[in-house]
Protein backbone atom coordinates (compact mmCIF):
# COMPACT_ATOMS: atom_id res chain seq x y z
CA MET A 1 7.73 -10.08 -4.14
CA VAL A 2 6.95 -6.78 -5.78
CA VAL A 3 3.84 -4.70 -6.44
CA LEU A 4 4.07 -1.53 -8.52
CA SER A 5 1.36 1.10 -8.37
CA GLY A 6 0.78 3.79 -10.96
CA TYR A 7 -1.18 4.86 -13.99
CA PRO A 8 -1.47 2.99 -17.30
CA ASP A 9 1.82 3.12 -19.17
CA PRO A 10 2.79 1.12 -22.26
CA MET A 11 6.40 1.03 -21.06
CA TYR A 12 5.44 -0.97 -17.94
CA ASP A 13 3.18 -3.23 -20.00
CA ASP A 14 6.04 -3.91 -22.43
CA MET A 15 8.64 -4.45 -19.69
CA LEU A 16 6.43 -6.61 -17.44
CA PRO A 17 4.49 -8.90 -19.82
CA ASP A 18 4.31 -11.81 -17.34
CA TRP A 19 3.16 -9.68 -14.41
CA ARG A 20 -0.48 -9.59 -13.34
CA ARG A 21 -2.11 -6.26 -14.15
CA VAL A 22 -5.08 -5.04 -12.09
CA THR A 23 -6.89 -1.81 -12.95
CA CYS A 24 -9.33 0.30 -10.99
CA VAL A 25 -11.10 3.55 -11.81
CA ALA A 26 -10.65 6.08 -9.02
CA LEU A 27 -11.33 9.75 -8.44
CA ALA A 28 -8.33 12.08 -8.24
CA ASP A 29 -7.33 15.67 -8.94
CA GLY A 30 -10.61 17.34 -8.06
CA ALA A 31 -12.86 14.30 -8.47
CA ARG A 32 -11.76 13.49 -12.03
CA GLU A 33 -11.81 9.83 -13.03
CA ARG A 34 -8.41 8.20 -13.43
CA THR A 35 -7.46 4.63 -14.08
CA GLU A 36 -5.00 3.32 -11.52
CA VAL A 37 -2.95 0.17 -12.12
CA LEU A 38 -1.23 -2.43 -9.97
CA TRP A 39 1.45 -4.55 -11.63
CA ILE A 40 1.96 -7.65 -9.47
CA SER A 41 5.09 -9.78 -9.89
CA PRO A 42 4.57 -13.47 -10.74
CA ARG A 43 5.92 -14.59 -7.35
CA CYS A 44 3.59 -12.23 -5.50
CA ALA A 45 0.62 -13.26 -7.68
CA ALA A 46 1.34 -16.92 -6.93
CA ALA A 47 1.46 -16.21 -3.18
CA LEU A 48 -1.85 -14.33 -3.35
CA ASP A 49 -3.43 -17.17 -5.32
CA ALA A 50 -2.18 -19.73 -2.79
CA ARG A 51 -3.59 -17.68 0.06
CA ASP A 52 -6.95 -17.44 -1.70
CA ARG A 53 -7.03 -21.24 -2.17
CA ALA A 54 -6.17 -21.95 1.47
CA VAL A 55 -8.94 -23.17 3.71
CA VAL A 56 -9.43 -20.49 6.30
CA PRO A 57 -11.70 -21.46 9.18
CA SER A 58 -14.63 -19.22 9.92
CA LEU A 59 -14.87 -17.51 13.28
CA PHE A 60 -18.07 -19.48 13.73
CA ASP A 61 -16.63 -22.96 13.02
CA ARG A 62 -16.78 -25.24 16.04
CA VAL A 63 -13.46 -26.40 17.39
CA ALA A 64 -13.32 -29.78 19.08
CA PRO A 65 -12.21 -29.53 22.72
């Protein structure tokens, strides 16, 4: 599983067309806005999706003795 972090770049977009791309605007270099990007491999994206679909019990759920 691989996650790449960087700034928008057409080369990465062209080389990784089946990877999930997540963008976020952040402040950098003296509080200037920059767009940061995560490219997430298909295998990693699938694992994250599976984790999100999993039923995770709440701390407040009652457990039978």
